[in-house]
N, C-alpha and C. Protein backbone atom coordinates (compact mmCIF):
# COMPACT_ATOMS: atom_id res chain seq x y z
N MET A 1 46.96 51.37 -0.22
CA MET A 1 47.33 50.28 0.81
C MET A 1 46.18 49.13 0.88
N ALA A 2 46.52 47.86 0.98
CA ALA A 2 45.63 46.88 0.85
C ALA A 2 45.25 46.90 2.38
N ILE A 3 43.79 46.51 2.59
CA ILE A 3 43.28 46.30 3.78
C ILE A 3 42.86 44.87 3.89
N ALA A 4 43.11 44.28 5.03
CA ALA A 4 42.82 42.89 5.25
C ALA A 4 41.61 42.72 6.17
N THR A 5 40.96 41.64 6.24
CA THR A 5 39.71 41.50 6.91
C THR A 5 40.08 40.14 7.82
N CYS A 6 39.69 40.39 9.09
CA CYS A 6 39.92 39.20 9.98
C CYS A 6 38.62 38.36 9.94
N PRO A 7 38.76 37.25 10.78
CA PRO A 7 37.69 36.27 10.55
C PRO A 7 36.49 36.68 11.24
N ASP A 8 36.66 37.58 12.10
CA ASP A 8 35.43 38.45 12.68
C ASP A 8 35.00 39.53 11.79
N GLY A 9 35.50 39.72 10.78
CA GLY A 9 34.90 40.79 9.95
C GLY A 9 35.39 42.05 10.23
N HIS A 10 36.71 42.39 10.90
CA HIS A 10 37.23 43.65 11.28
C HIS A 10 38.08 44.13 9.89
N HIS A 11 38.20 45.21 9.67
CA HIS A 11 39.22 45.65 8.62
C HIS A 11 40.50 46.01 9.45
N SER A 12 41.68 45.42 8.81
CA SER A 12 43.00 45.82 9.41
C SER A 12 44.04 46.18 8.48
N VAL A 13 44.83 47.17 8.88
CA VAL A 13 45.97 47.47 8.08
C VAL A 13 47.12 46.23 8.07
N ALA A 14 47.04 45.84 9.23
CA ALA A 14 48.16 44.60 9.23
C ALA A 14 47.56 43.45 8.78
N THR A 15 48.39 42.57 8.20
CA THR A 15 47.97 41.47 7.55
C THR A 15 48.37 39.97 8.04
N ASP A 16 48.84 40.18 9.30
CA ASP A 16 49.00 38.73 10.07
C ASP A 16 47.99 38.71 11.30
N TYR A 17 48.03 39.99 12.06
CA TYR A 17 47.13 39.97 13.06
C TYR A 17 46.14 41.20 13.03
N CYS A 18 44.99 40.98 13.45
CA CYS A 18 43.82 42.27 13.22
C CYS A 18 44.30 43.11 14.16
N ASP A 19 44.19 44.58 13.53
CA ASP A 19 44.55 45.60 14.39
C ASP A 19 43.46 46.01 15.29
N VAL A 20 42.14 45.26 15.20
CA VAL A 20 41.02 45.50 16.12
C VAL A 20 40.95 44.67 17.42
N CYS A 21 40.91 43.16 16.83
CA CYS A 21 40.80 42.16 17.80
C CYS A 21 41.77 41.28 18.23
N GLY A 22 42.90 41.40 17.38
CA GLY A 22 44.03 40.48 17.48
C GLY A 22 43.94 39.15 17.01
N SER A 23 42.80 38.76 16.24
CA SER A 23 42.75 37.35 15.74
C SER A 23 43.81 37.25 14.60
N PRO A 24 44.30 35.89 14.60
CA PRO A 24 45.26 35.81 13.27
C PRO A 24 44.50 36.17 11.92
N ILE A 25 44.95 36.47 10.91
CA ILE A 25 44.41 36.78 9.78
C ILE A 25 44.86 35.53 8.78
N GLY A 26 44.00 34.91 8.17
CA GLY A 26 44.38 33.93 7.24
C GLY A 26 44.36 32.74 7.73
N ALA A 27 44.31 32.49 9.14
CA ALA A 27 44.26 30.95 9.71
C ALA A 27 42.92 30.50 9.50
N PRO A 28 42.91 29.20 9.40
CA PRO A 28 41.67 28.47 9.30
C PRO A 28 40.75 28.65 10.54
N ALA A 29 39.32 28.80 10.39
CA ALA A 29 38.46 28.99 11.35
C ALA A 29 38.34 27.76 12.17
N PRO A 30 38.23 28.01 13.57
CA PRO A 30 38.23 26.70 14.25
C PRO A 30 36.83 25.79 14.12
N THR A 31 37.04 24.62 14.14
CA THR A 31 35.80 23.65 13.86
C THR A 31 35.05 23.68 15.14
N VAL A 32 33.92 23.70 14.79
CA VAL A 32 32.73 23.80 15.91
C VAL A 32 32.10 22.36 15.85
N ALA A 33 31.99 21.53 16.90
CA ALA A 33 31.30 20.33 16.71
C ALA A 33 29.76 20.59 16.78
N ALA A 34 29.15 19.64 15.94
CA ALA A 34 27.73 19.91 15.88
C ALA A 34 27.20 19.18 17.01
N ALA A 35 26.00 20.08 17.60
CA ALA A 35 25.24 19.65 18.91
C ALA A 35 24.45 18.50 18.34
N LEU A 36 24.13 17.69 19.27
CA LEU A 36 23.23 16.28 19.30
C LEU A 36 21.74 16.78 19.50
N CYS A 37 21.14 16.16 18.74
CA CYS A 37 19.49 16.41 18.70
C CYS A 37 18.99 15.74 20.04
N PRO A 38 18.22 16.54 20.89
CA PRO A 38 17.84 15.90 22.02
C PRO A 38 16.81 14.90 22.11
N SER A 39 16.21 14.67 20.72
CA SER A 39 15.05 13.84 20.63
C SER A 39 15.57 12.25 20.11
N CYS A 40 16.54 12.46 19.02
CA CYS A 40 16.82 11.08 18.38
C CYS A 40 18.45 10.92 18.54
N GLY A 41 19.17 11.97 19.19
CA GLY A 41 20.61 11.83 19.36
C GLY A 41 21.64 11.93 18.09
N SER A 42 20.90 12.25 17.00
CA SER A 42 21.67 12.40 15.63
C SER A 42 22.33 13.93 15.79
N PRO A 43 23.54 14.11 15.21
CA PRO A 43 24.31 15.22 15.06
C PRO A 43 23.44 16.50 14.35
N SER A 44 22.92 17.45 14.90
CA SER A 44 22.35 18.60 14.08
C SER A 44 22.83 20.02 14.20
N SER A 45 23.16 20.52 13.13
CA SER A 45 23.81 21.79 13.07
C SER A 45 22.90 22.99 13.11
N GLY A 46 21.61 22.77 12.91
CA GLY A 46 20.57 23.66 12.78
C GLY A 46 19.47 23.57 14.00
N ARG A 47 18.53 24.44 13.79
CA ARG A 47 17.30 24.47 14.75
C ARG A 47 16.43 23.19 14.89
N PHE A 48 16.31 22.71 13.46
CA PHE A 48 15.43 21.38 13.19
C PHE A 48 16.39 20.33 12.93
N CYS A 49 16.38 19.11 13.68
CA CYS A 49 16.93 18.06 13.33
C CYS A 49 16.62 17.54 12.06
N GLU A 50 17.68 17.20 11.05
CA GLU A 50 17.68 16.62 9.69
C GLU A 50 17.25 15.31 9.66
N VAL A 51 17.25 14.56 10.95
CA VAL A 51 16.87 13.23 10.94
C VAL A 51 15.28 12.92 11.23
N CYS A 52 15.12 13.64 12.71
CA CYS A 52 13.55 13.54 13.00
C CYS A 52 12.64 14.72 12.93
N GLY A 53 13.23 15.74 12.57
CA GLY A 53 12.69 16.94 12.56
C GLY A 53 12.41 17.74 13.65
N HIS A 54 12.94 17.43 14.92
CA HIS A 54 12.76 17.96 16.12
C HIS A 54 13.16 19.58 16.16
N ASP A 55 12.22 20.26 16.78
CA ASP A 55 12.69 21.73 16.98
C ASP A 55 13.56 21.92 18.19
N SER A 56 14.69 22.36 18.21
CA SER A 56 15.61 22.51 19.34
C SER A 56 15.11 23.45 20.19
N ALA A 57 14.07 24.49 19.74
CA ALA A 57 13.57 25.59 20.59
C ALA A 57 12.53 24.85 21.59
N LEU A 58 12.13 23.97 21.40
CA LEU A 58 11.03 23.08 22.13
C LEU A 58 11.94 22.42 23.50
N PRO A 59 11.01 22.13 24.26
CA PRO A 59 11.66 21.33 25.20
C PRO A 59 11.85 19.95 24.86
N THR A 60 13.07 19.53 25.71
CA THR A 60 13.51 18.16 25.47
C THR A 60 12.27 17.14 25.64
N PRO A 61 12.04 16.19 24.58
CA PRO A 61 10.80 15.22 24.71
C PRO A 61 11.32 14.23 25.85
N ALA A 62 10.25 13.74 26.41
CA ALA A 62 10.36 12.69 27.39
C ALA A 62 10.70 11.36 26.80
N ALA A 63 11.42 10.52 27.69
CA ALA A 63 12.04 9.34 26.90
C ALA A 63 10.50 8.39 26.55
N ARG A 64 10.66 7.78 25.60
CA ARG A 64 9.49 6.87 24.98
C ARG A 64 9.54 5.53 26.07
N THR A 65 8.39 4.92 26.35
CA THR A 65 8.23 3.77 27.01
C THR A 65 7.84 2.65 26.15
N PRO A 66 8.17 1.38 26.25
CA PRO A 66 7.96 0.41 25.49
C PRO A 66 6.24 0.16 25.35
N GLU A 67 5.81 -0.26 24.22
CA GLU A 67 4.28 -0.25 24.00
C GLU A 67 3.63 -1.25 24.90
N PHE A 68 4.47 -2.46 25.13
CA PHE A 68 4.13 -3.36 25.90
C PHE A 68 5.20 -3.72 27.03
N ALA A 69 4.74 -3.98 28.26
CA ALA A 69 5.85 -4.43 29.31
C ALA A 69 6.07 -5.93 28.81
N PRO A 70 7.41 -6.65 29.30
CA PRO A 70 7.72 -7.89 28.84
C PRO A 70 6.48 -8.81 29.42
N THR A 71 5.83 -8.69 30.65
CA THR A 71 4.87 -9.52 30.82
C THR A 71 3.72 -9.49 30.09
N GLU A 72 3.36 -8.41 29.55
CA GLU A 72 2.27 -8.17 28.57
C GLU A 72 2.52 -8.94 27.29
N ILE A 73 3.81 -8.67 26.83
CA ILE A 73 4.32 -9.58 25.65
C ILE A 73 4.06 -10.83 25.60
N ALA A 74 4.36 -11.48 26.62
CA ALA A 74 4.39 -12.69 26.76
C ALA A 74 2.92 -13.29 26.90
N THR A 75 1.95 -12.43 27.62
CA THR A 75 0.66 -12.91 27.64
C THR A 75 -0.15 -13.02 26.21
N VAL A 76 0.31 -12.06 25.23
CA VAL A 76 -0.18 -11.74 23.94
C VAL A 76 0.38 -12.86 23.18
N THR A 77 1.79 -13.30 23.24
CA THR A 77 2.03 -14.32 22.87
C THR A 77 1.36 -15.85 22.84
N GLU A 78 1.11 -15.81 24.22
CA GLU A 78 0.37 -17.06 24.66
C GLU A 78 -0.98 -17.30 23.85
N VAL A 79 -1.85 -16.07 23.83
CA VAL A 79 -3.01 -16.02 23.54
C VAL A 79 -3.12 -16.34 21.99
N ALA A 80 -2.25 -15.90 21.31
CA ALA A 80 -1.99 -15.91 19.94
C ALA A 80 -1.81 -17.46 19.49
N ALA A 81 -1.22 -18.21 20.27
CA ALA A 81 -0.72 -19.56 20.06
C ALA A 81 -1.71 -20.45 20.53
N ALA A 82 -2.91 -20.02 21.31
CA ALA A 82 -3.88 -21.04 21.48
C ALA A 82 -4.55 -21.69 20.53
N PRO A 83 -4.99 -22.55 20.60
CA PRO A 83 -5.61 -23.35 19.40
C PRO A 83 -6.97 -22.84 19.33
N GLY A 84 -7.44 -22.93 17.99
CA GLY A 84 -8.72 -22.46 17.79
C GLY A 84 -9.98 -23.43 17.83
N ALA A 85 -11.08 -22.84 17.72
CA ALA A 85 -12.26 -23.76 18.08
C ALA A 85 -12.45 -24.93 16.85
N LEU A 86 -13.21 -25.85 17.25
CA LEU A 86 -13.15 -26.96 16.31
C LEU A 86 -14.26 -26.45 15.05
N MET A 87 -13.80 -27.10 13.70
CA MET A 87 -14.81 -26.85 12.67
C MET A 87 -15.03 -28.13 12.11
N TRP A 88 -15.93 -28.16 11.41
CA TRP A 88 -16.59 -29.49 10.74
C TRP A 88 -16.18 -29.33 9.28
N VAL A 89 -15.93 -30.60 8.71
CA VAL A 89 -15.15 -30.74 7.33
C VAL A 89 -15.98 -32.04 6.76
N ALA A 90 -16.49 -31.83 5.62
CA ALA A 90 -16.86 -32.86 4.80
C ALA A 90 -15.84 -33.34 3.68
N THR A 91 -15.69 -34.59 3.66
CA THR A 91 -14.72 -35.34 2.67
C THR A 91 -15.58 -35.97 1.81
N ILE A 92 -15.75 -35.73 0.44
CA ILE A 92 -16.36 -36.26 -0.34
C ILE A 92 -15.71 -37.29 -1.31
N THR A 93 -16.37 -38.64 -1.44
CA THR A 93 -15.50 -39.70 -2.22
C THR A 93 -16.35 -40.38 -3.08
N ALA A 94 -15.86 -41.01 -4.18
CA ALA A 94 -16.67 -42.02 -4.74
C ALA A 94 -16.17 -43.44 -4.41
N ASP A 95 -17.52 -43.99 -3.75
CA ASP A 95 -17.36 -45.12 -2.66
C ASP A 95 -17.71 -46.34 -3.62
N ARG A 96 -16.67 -47.18 -4.18
CA ARG A 96 -17.28 -48.25 -4.91
C ARG A 96 -17.85 -49.34 -4.22
N GLU A 97 -17.81 -49.53 -2.96
CA GLU A 97 -18.41 -50.49 -2.19
C GLU A 97 -19.87 -50.14 -2.04
N PHE A 98 -20.32 -48.91 -1.71
CA PHE A 98 -21.61 -48.33 -1.69
C PHE A 98 -22.17 -48.45 -2.85
N PHE A 99 -21.47 -48.19 -4.12
CA PHE A 99 -22.02 -48.35 -5.54
C PHE A 99 -22.55 -49.81 -5.87
N ASP A 100 -21.66 -50.75 -5.28
CA ASP A 100 -22.03 -52.17 -5.61
C ASP A 100 -23.38 -52.45 -4.70
N ARG A 101 -23.32 -51.98 -3.50
CA ARG A 101 -24.77 -52.33 -2.73
C ARG A 101 -26.02 -51.60 -3.47
N VAL A 102 -25.67 -50.45 -3.94
CA VAL A 102 -26.89 -49.72 -4.81
C VAL A 102 -27.40 -50.71 -5.86
N GLN A 103 -26.30 -51.10 -6.77
CA GLN A 103 -26.73 -51.97 -7.93
C GLN A 103 -27.29 -53.36 -7.50
N ALA A 104 -26.85 -53.71 -6.38
CA ALA A 104 -27.55 -55.08 -5.88
C ALA A 104 -28.87 -54.91 -5.45
N ARG A 105 -29.13 -53.86 -4.95
CA ARG A 105 -30.86 -53.57 -4.69
C ARG A 105 -31.40 -53.19 -5.51
N LYS A 106 -31.21 -52.86 -6.59
CA LYS A 106 -31.71 -52.15 -7.73
C LYS A 106 -32.55 -50.81 -7.38
N GLY A 107 -31.86 -49.80 -7.02
CA GLY A 107 -32.65 -48.83 -6.82
C GLY A 107 -33.14 -47.92 -7.90
N PRO A 108 -33.96 -47.08 -7.42
CA PRO A 108 -34.96 -46.32 -8.54
C PRO A 108 -34.03 -45.93 -9.89
N ASP A 109 -32.78 -45.37 -9.74
CA ASP A 109 -31.82 -44.82 -10.74
C ASP A 109 -30.62 -45.85 -10.85
N ALA A 110 -30.75 -46.90 -10.52
CA ALA A 110 -29.54 -47.97 -10.55
C ALA A 110 -29.14 -47.96 -11.83
N ASP A 111 -30.01 -48.15 -12.84
CA ASP A 111 -29.85 -48.26 -14.49
C ASP A 111 -29.11 -47.32 -15.05
N GLN A 112 -29.28 -45.97 -14.26
CA GLN A 112 -28.70 -44.77 -14.97
C GLN A 112 -27.48 -44.13 -14.31
N VAL A 113 -26.90 -44.91 -13.02
CA VAL A 113 -25.78 -44.68 -12.48
C VAL A 113 -24.79 -45.43 -13.14
N GLU A 114 -23.51 -44.78 -13.28
CA GLU A 114 -22.32 -45.18 -13.57
C GLU A 114 -21.22 -44.88 -12.80
N PHE A 115 -20.55 -45.68 -12.35
CA PHE A 115 -19.32 -45.50 -11.39
C PHE A 115 -18.25 -44.58 -12.12
N PRO A 116 -17.71 -43.39 -11.82
CA PRO A 116 -16.90 -42.69 -12.29
C PRO A 116 -15.46 -43.42 -12.48
N ALA A 117 -14.92 -42.92 -13.52
CA ALA A 117 -13.42 -43.66 -13.85
C ALA A 117 -12.64 -42.94 -13.01
N PHE A 118 -12.66 -41.64 -12.66
CA PHE A 118 -11.68 -40.68 -11.87
C PHE A 118 -12.61 -39.68 -11.15
N TYR A 119 -12.47 -39.68 -9.77
CA TYR A 119 -13.14 -38.68 -9.02
C TYR A 119 -12.28 -38.48 -7.89
N PRO A 120 -11.64 -37.16 -7.86
CA PRO A 120 -10.61 -36.84 -6.75
C PRO A 120 -11.58 -36.36 -5.59
N GLU A 121 -10.87 -36.89 -4.54
CA GLU A 121 -11.35 -36.61 -3.09
C GLU A 121 -11.69 -34.87 -2.90
N ARG A 122 -12.77 -34.68 -2.61
CA ARG A 122 -12.90 -33.11 -2.19
C ARG A 122 -13.10 -32.99 -0.80
N ARG A 123 -12.84 -31.82 -0.09
CA ARG A 123 -12.77 -31.43 1.22
C ARG A 123 -13.49 -30.23 1.34
N ILE A 124 -14.57 -30.05 1.99
CA ILE A 124 -15.26 -28.67 2.05
C ILE A 124 -15.54 -28.51 3.49
N THR A 125 -14.93 -27.31 3.95
CA THR A 125 -15.20 -26.60 5.10
C THR A 125 -16.75 -26.29 5.29
N LEU A 126 -17.41 -26.92 6.43
CA LEU A 126 -18.80 -26.46 6.60
C LEU A 126 -19.12 -25.43 7.40
N ARG A 127 -19.79 -24.18 6.69
CA ARG A 127 -19.85 -23.03 7.26
C ARG A 127 -21.24 -22.65 7.36
N GLY A 128 -21.74 -22.11 8.65
CA GLY A 128 -23.02 -21.81 8.76
C GLY A 128 -23.66 -22.70 9.58
N THR A 129 -25.01 -22.76 9.67
CA THR A 129 -25.73 -23.76 10.51
C THR A 129 -26.38 -24.71 9.69
N ASP A 130 -26.79 -24.38 8.29
CA ASP A 130 -27.51 -25.32 7.65
C ASP A 130 -26.94 -25.46 6.11
N ILE A 131 -26.55 -26.60 5.74
CA ILE A 131 -25.55 -26.88 4.70
C ILE A 131 -26.47 -27.78 3.83
N LEU A 132 -26.61 -27.35 2.52
CA LEU A 132 -27.61 -28.28 1.68
C LEU A 132 -26.59 -29.06 0.73
N ILE A 133 -27.18 -30.16 0.80
CA ILE A 133 -26.42 -31.23 -0.34
C ILE A 133 -27.35 -31.46 -1.52
N GLY A 134 -26.78 -31.29 -2.56
CA GLY A 134 -27.63 -31.50 -3.74
C GLY A 134 -26.76 -31.33 -5.08
N LYS A 135 -27.67 -30.76 -6.03
CA LYS A 135 -27.04 -30.39 -7.51
C LYS A 135 -27.51 -28.83 -7.49
N HIS A 136 -26.58 -28.14 -8.32
CA HIS A 136 -27.08 -26.63 -8.62
C HIS A 136 -28.16 -26.74 -9.79
N SER A 137 -29.05 -25.73 -9.75
CA SER A 137 -30.04 -25.64 -10.74
C SER A 137 -30.31 -24.15 -10.80
N VAL A 138 -29.91 -23.62 -11.94
CA VAL A 138 -30.16 -22.36 -12.44
C VAL A 138 -31.86 -21.91 -12.24
N SER A 139 -32.56 -22.94 -12.92
CA SER A 139 -33.87 -22.74 -13.15
C SER A 139 -34.75 -22.87 -11.72
N GLN A 140 -34.16 -23.75 -10.99
CA GLN A 140 -34.69 -23.72 -9.69
C GLN A 140 -34.21 -22.80 -8.39
N GLY A 141 -33.19 -22.29 -8.95
CA GLY A 141 -32.55 -21.25 -7.95
C GLY A 141 -31.74 -21.99 -6.84
N LEU A 142 -31.26 -23.22 -7.12
CA LEU A 142 -30.53 -24.03 -6.22
C LEU A 142 -28.93 -23.96 -6.50
N GLN A 143 -28.26 -23.60 -5.37
CA GLN A 143 -26.87 -23.46 -5.19
C GLN A 143 -26.43 -24.12 -3.87
N PRO A 144 -26.43 -25.49 -3.88
CA PRO A 144 -26.15 -26.31 -2.83
C PRO A 144 -24.54 -25.82 -2.12
N ASP A 145 -24.39 -25.94 -0.62
CA ASP A 145 -23.12 -25.84 -0.12
C ASP A 145 -22.46 -26.87 -0.76
N ILE A 146 -22.98 -28.07 -0.63
CA ILE A 146 -22.29 -29.37 -1.14
C ILE A 146 -22.78 -29.78 -2.47
N ASP A 147 -22.23 -29.36 -3.56
CA ASP A 147 -22.64 -29.40 -4.80
C ASP A 147 -22.10 -30.70 -5.50
N LEU A 148 -22.91 -31.71 -5.64
CA LEU A 148 -22.65 -33.02 -6.28
C LEU A 148 -23.07 -33.05 -7.64
N GLY A 149 -23.31 -31.97 -8.25
CA GLY A 149 -23.54 -31.78 -9.86
C GLY A 149 -22.54 -31.48 -10.58
N ILE A 150 -21.42 -31.27 -9.95
CA ILE A 150 -20.03 -31.14 -10.51
C ILE A 150 -19.54 -32.36 -11.17
N ALA A 151 -19.08 -32.35 -12.36
CA ALA A 151 -18.79 -33.39 -13.28
C ALA A 151 -17.52 -34.15 -12.62
N PRO A 152 -17.55 -35.43 -12.41
CA PRO A 152 -18.69 -36.46 -13.02
C PRO A 152 -19.45 -36.49 -11.91
N ALA A 153 -20.89 -36.05 -12.16
CA ALA A 153 -21.90 -36.04 -11.42
C ALA A 153 -22.51 -37.26 -11.04
N ASP A 154 -23.05 -37.29 -9.71
CA ASP A 154 -23.81 -38.67 -9.53
C ASP A 154 -25.10 -38.51 -9.81
N ALA A 155 -25.74 -39.32 -10.82
CA ALA A 155 -27.09 -39.30 -11.40
C ALA A 155 -28.19 -39.71 -10.24
N GLY A 156 -27.78 -40.19 -9.32
CA GLY A 156 -28.63 -40.90 -8.19
C GLY A 156 -28.89 -39.68 -7.11
N VAL A 157 -28.09 -38.56 -7.11
CA VAL A 157 -28.44 -37.59 -6.21
C VAL A 157 -29.51 -36.59 -6.63
N SER A 158 -30.48 -36.39 -5.61
CA SER A 158 -31.50 -35.41 -6.07
C SER A 158 -30.99 -33.76 -5.92
N ARG A 159 -31.99 -33.13 -6.75
CA ARG A 159 -31.54 -31.39 -6.44
C ARG A 159 -31.31 -31.12 -5.15
N ALA A 160 -32.28 -31.37 -4.43
CA ALA A 160 -32.13 -30.80 -2.95
C ALA A 160 -32.26 -32.14 -2.12
N HIS A 161 -31.10 -32.85 -1.77
CA HIS A 161 -31.19 -34.27 -1.18
C HIS A 161 -31.25 -34.30 0.11
N ALA A 162 -30.50 -33.43 0.94
CA ALA A 162 -30.39 -33.52 2.15
C ALA A 162 -29.84 -32.28 2.77
N THR A 163 -30.04 -31.79 4.17
CA THR A 163 -29.40 -30.87 4.71
C THR A 163 -28.61 -31.24 6.07
N ILE A 164 -27.50 -30.80 6.29
CA ILE A 164 -26.62 -31.03 7.53
C ILE A 164 -26.93 -29.76 8.29
N HIS A 165 -27.45 -29.96 9.65
CA HIS A 165 -27.59 -28.99 10.57
C HIS A 165 -26.44 -28.93 11.57
N ILE A 166 -25.79 -27.68 11.73
CA ILE A 166 -24.84 -27.58 12.65
C ILE A 166 -25.16 -26.51 14.04
N ALA A 167 -25.19 -27.18 15.26
CA ALA A 167 -25.46 -26.23 16.37
C ALA A 167 -24.48 -26.50 17.43
N ASP A 168 -24.75 -25.67 18.55
CA ASP A 168 -23.89 -25.87 19.61
C ASP A 168 -24.09 -27.19 20.20
N THR A 169 -25.11 -27.85 20.37
CA THR A 169 -25.32 -29.11 20.91
C THR A 169 -24.82 -30.24 19.98
N GLY A 170 -24.59 -30.02 18.77
CA GLY A 170 -24.02 -31.27 17.83
C GLY A 170 -24.45 -31.11 16.33
N ILE A 171 -24.41 -32.23 15.47
CA ILE A 171 -24.38 -32.07 14.18
C ILE A 171 -25.52 -33.13 13.90
N SER A 172 -26.34 -32.77 12.96
CA SER A 172 -27.55 -33.73 12.48
C SER A 172 -27.53 -33.81 10.99
N ILE A 173 -28.11 -34.82 10.15
CA ILE A 173 -28.42 -34.74 8.83
C ILE A 173 -29.94 -35.16 8.64
N THR A 174 -30.62 -34.55 7.60
CA THR A 174 -31.93 -34.67 7.40
C THR A 174 -32.26 -35.00 5.97
N ASP A 175 -32.77 -35.95 5.43
CA ASP A 175 -32.96 -36.32 4.25
C ASP A 175 -34.31 -35.29 3.92
N LEU A 176 -34.30 -34.91 2.65
CA LEU A 176 -35.36 -34.06 2.34
C LEU A 176 -36.39 -34.74 1.48
N GLY A 177 -36.55 -35.90 1.51
CA GLY A 177 -37.26 -36.64 0.65
C GLY A 177 -36.83 -36.97 -0.70
N SER A 178 -35.37 -37.38 -0.85
CA SER A 178 -34.75 -37.70 -2.12
C SER A 178 -35.53 -38.78 -2.72
N THR A 179 -34.91 -39.00 -3.87
CA THR A 179 -35.48 -40.23 -4.71
C THR A 179 -34.89 -41.64 -4.24
N ASN A 180 -33.65 -41.74 -4.08
CA ASN A 180 -32.96 -42.78 -3.63
C ASN A 180 -32.43 -42.74 -2.02
N GLY A 181 -32.91 -41.75 -1.24
CA GLY A 181 -32.68 -41.89 0.16
C GLY A 181 -31.17 -41.48 0.55
N THR A 182 -30.89 -41.73 1.91
CA THR A 182 -29.75 -41.57 2.45
C THR A 182 -29.67 -42.38 3.55
N SER A 183 -28.46 -42.85 3.64
CA SER A 183 -28.06 -44.01 4.63
C SER A 183 -26.83 -43.57 5.37
N LEU A 184 -26.52 -44.22 6.51
CA LEU A 184 -25.25 -44.16 7.29
C LEU A 184 -24.46 -45.42 7.46
N ASN A 185 -23.00 -45.11 7.51
CA ASN A 185 -22.21 -46.08 7.99
C ASN A 185 -22.39 -47.44 7.60
N GLY A 186 -22.49 -47.55 6.18
CA GLY A 186 -22.75 -48.81 5.63
C GLY A 186 -24.02 -49.52 5.75
N SER A 187 -25.06 -49.10 6.36
CA SER A 187 -26.27 -49.72 6.80
C SER A 187 -27.09 -49.88 5.41
N GLU A 188 -28.03 -50.66 5.24
CA GLU A 188 -28.75 -50.80 4.09
C GLU A 188 -29.94 -50.14 4.40
N ASP A 189 -30.31 -49.90 5.54
CA ASP A 189 -31.57 -49.25 6.02
C ASP A 189 -31.44 -47.49 5.70
N LEU A 190 -32.27 -47.01 5.13
CA LEU A 190 -32.41 -45.52 4.75
C LEU A 190 -32.96 -44.78 6.00
N ILE A 191 -32.23 -43.68 6.39
CA ILE A 191 -32.79 -42.93 7.39
C ILE A 191 -34.18 -42.27 6.82
N PRO A 192 -35.23 -42.37 7.84
CA PRO A 192 -36.39 -41.59 7.72
C PRO A 192 -36.48 -40.22 6.89
N ALA A 193 -37.31 -39.62 5.98
CA ALA A 193 -37.17 -38.73 5.44
C ALA A 193 -37.61 -37.54 6.35
N ARG A 194 -37.15 -36.29 6.15
CA ARG A 194 -37.67 -35.03 7.01
C ARG A 194 -37.33 -35.43 8.49
N VAL A 195 -36.53 -36.26 8.88
CA VAL A 195 -36.33 -36.30 10.21
C VAL A 195 -34.82 -36.33 10.54
N ALA A 196 -34.44 -35.41 11.51
CA ALA A 196 -33.09 -35.11 11.89
C ALA A 196 -32.31 -36.34 12.60
N VAL A 197 -31.55 -36.66 11.88
CA VAL A 197 -30.64 -37.87 12.68
C VAL A 197 -29.16 -37.27 13.16
N PRO A 198 -29.10 -37.55 14.52
CA PRO A 198 -27.63 -37.02 14.76
C PRO A 198 -26.68 -37.85 14.10
N LEU A 199 -25.50 -37.04 14.32
CA LEU A 199 -24.02 -37.32 13.57
C LEU A 199 -22.87 -37.43 14.67
N GLN A 200 -22.08 -38.15 14.44
CA GLN A 200 -20.84 -37.83 15.07
C GLN A 200 -19.52 -37.74 14.36
N SER A 201 -18.41 -37.28 14.79
CA SER A 201 -17.21 -37.04 13.77
C SER A 201 -16.82 -38.53 13.42
N GLY A 202 -16.52 -38.55 12.05
CA GLY A 202 -16.14 -39.84 11.49
C GLY A 202 -17.29 -40.55 10.80
N ASP A 203 -18.66 -40.17 10.90
CA ASP A 203 -19.63 -40.78 10.35
C ASP A 203 -19.55 -40.75 8.86
N HIS A 204 -20.18 -41.83 8.03
CA HIS A 204 -20.09 -42.05 6.71
C HIS A 204 -21.62 -41.75 6.10
N ILE A 205 -21.78 -40.80 5.35
CA ILE A 205 -23.10 -40.53 4.87
C ILE A 205 -23.30 -40.81 3.49
N HIS A 206 -24.25 -41.94 2.97
CA HIS A 206 -24.24 -42.41 1.66
C HIS A 206 -25.47 -42.05 0.99
N LEU A 207 -25.31 -41.41 -0.16
CA LEU A 207 -26.48 -40.86 -1.00
C LEU A 207 -26.14 -41.05 -2.49
N GLY A 208 -27.00 -41.12 -3.27
CA GLY A 208 -27.30 -41.07 -4.57
C GLY A 208 -26.68 -42.55 -5.00
N GLY A 209 -25.94 -42.62 -6.25
CA GLY A 209 -25.64 -43.88 -6.53
C GLY A 209 -24.19 -44.38 -6.17
N TRP A 210 -23.29 -43.61 -5.60
CA TRP A 210 -21.86 -43.95 -5.25
C TRP A 210 -21.10 -42.88 -4.59
N THR A 211 -22.09 -41.81 -3.84
CA THR A 211 -21.29 -40.84 -3.03
C THR A 211 -21.33 -41.03 -1.72
N THR A 212 -20.17 -40.90 -1.06
CA THR A 212 -20.13 -41.04 0.47
C THR A 212 -19.30 -39.79 0.89
N ILE A 213 -20.03 -39.11 2.03
CA ILE A 213 -19.64 -38.12 2.62
C ILE A 213 -19.25 -38.32 4.21
N VAL A 214 -17.99 -38.02 4.44
CA VAL A 214 -17.31 -38.32 5.88
C VAL A 214 -17.59 -37.06 6.54
N VAL A 215 -17.99 -37.00 7.52
CA VAL A 215 -18.08 -35.62 8.39
C VAL A 215 -17.07 -35.66 9.54
N SER A 216 -16.18 -34.86 9.72
CA SER A 216 -15.11 -34.99 10.72
C SER A 216 -15.08 -33.44 11.41
N ALA A 217 -14.69 -33.48 12.65
CA ALA A 217 -14.41 -32.31 13.46
C ALA A 217 -13.04 -32.23 13.52
N GLU A 218 -12.64 -31.16 13.12
CA GLU A 218 -10.95 -30.73 13.02
C GLU A 218 -10.70 -29.44 13.78
N SER A 219 -9.61 -29.10 14.19
CA SER A 219 -8.96 -28.15 14.87
C SER A 219 -8.88 -27.07 13.66
N ALA A 220 -9.37 -25.83 14.15
CA ALA A 220 -9.41 -24.79 13.06
C ALA A 220 -8.25 -24.08 12.88
């Protein structure tokens, strides 16, 4: 005689309903809805959530609070959008007018200086407090912050020509005893050697045979 098994595992002689519990034999098992994970809300059929890994045997986690309150977010945004401090920038150009003045006064290196056929404008952000202007020299260990020895080099610029000093109180330039000297804003008068001369944003520094450097304060 064939023995049937009901969905609950009982053995039954009857094949339509279980002799033990009366459950229908051969009927599909009822569908059980999966429970929701108390942590992330995803359907989870076992102890550990397949999405976030939460252990259902542990207490339900407390609701998370935003990292920033709305007012705090607005404050952070305003700080990030605030403009930065000013920075000093040096713009280096080949100045034909200055070159003509140097040639007219027959400076020490006037006969060796040639005006470059092409000299792209260079912009250098001045970093630190003391910026050396000159030409690089491996033998002398010189590596100027504003290197005017890059081709086409100005033959009238000394190796260590001048320094720009930046302080909280302002900016100044000092000629270091260069051969051809340093002048400002189109003047024919050279500034005294080894004496700091104050500068303002927009001032033109003339040095060498044709080099002009414009210093300007710009928003960082």
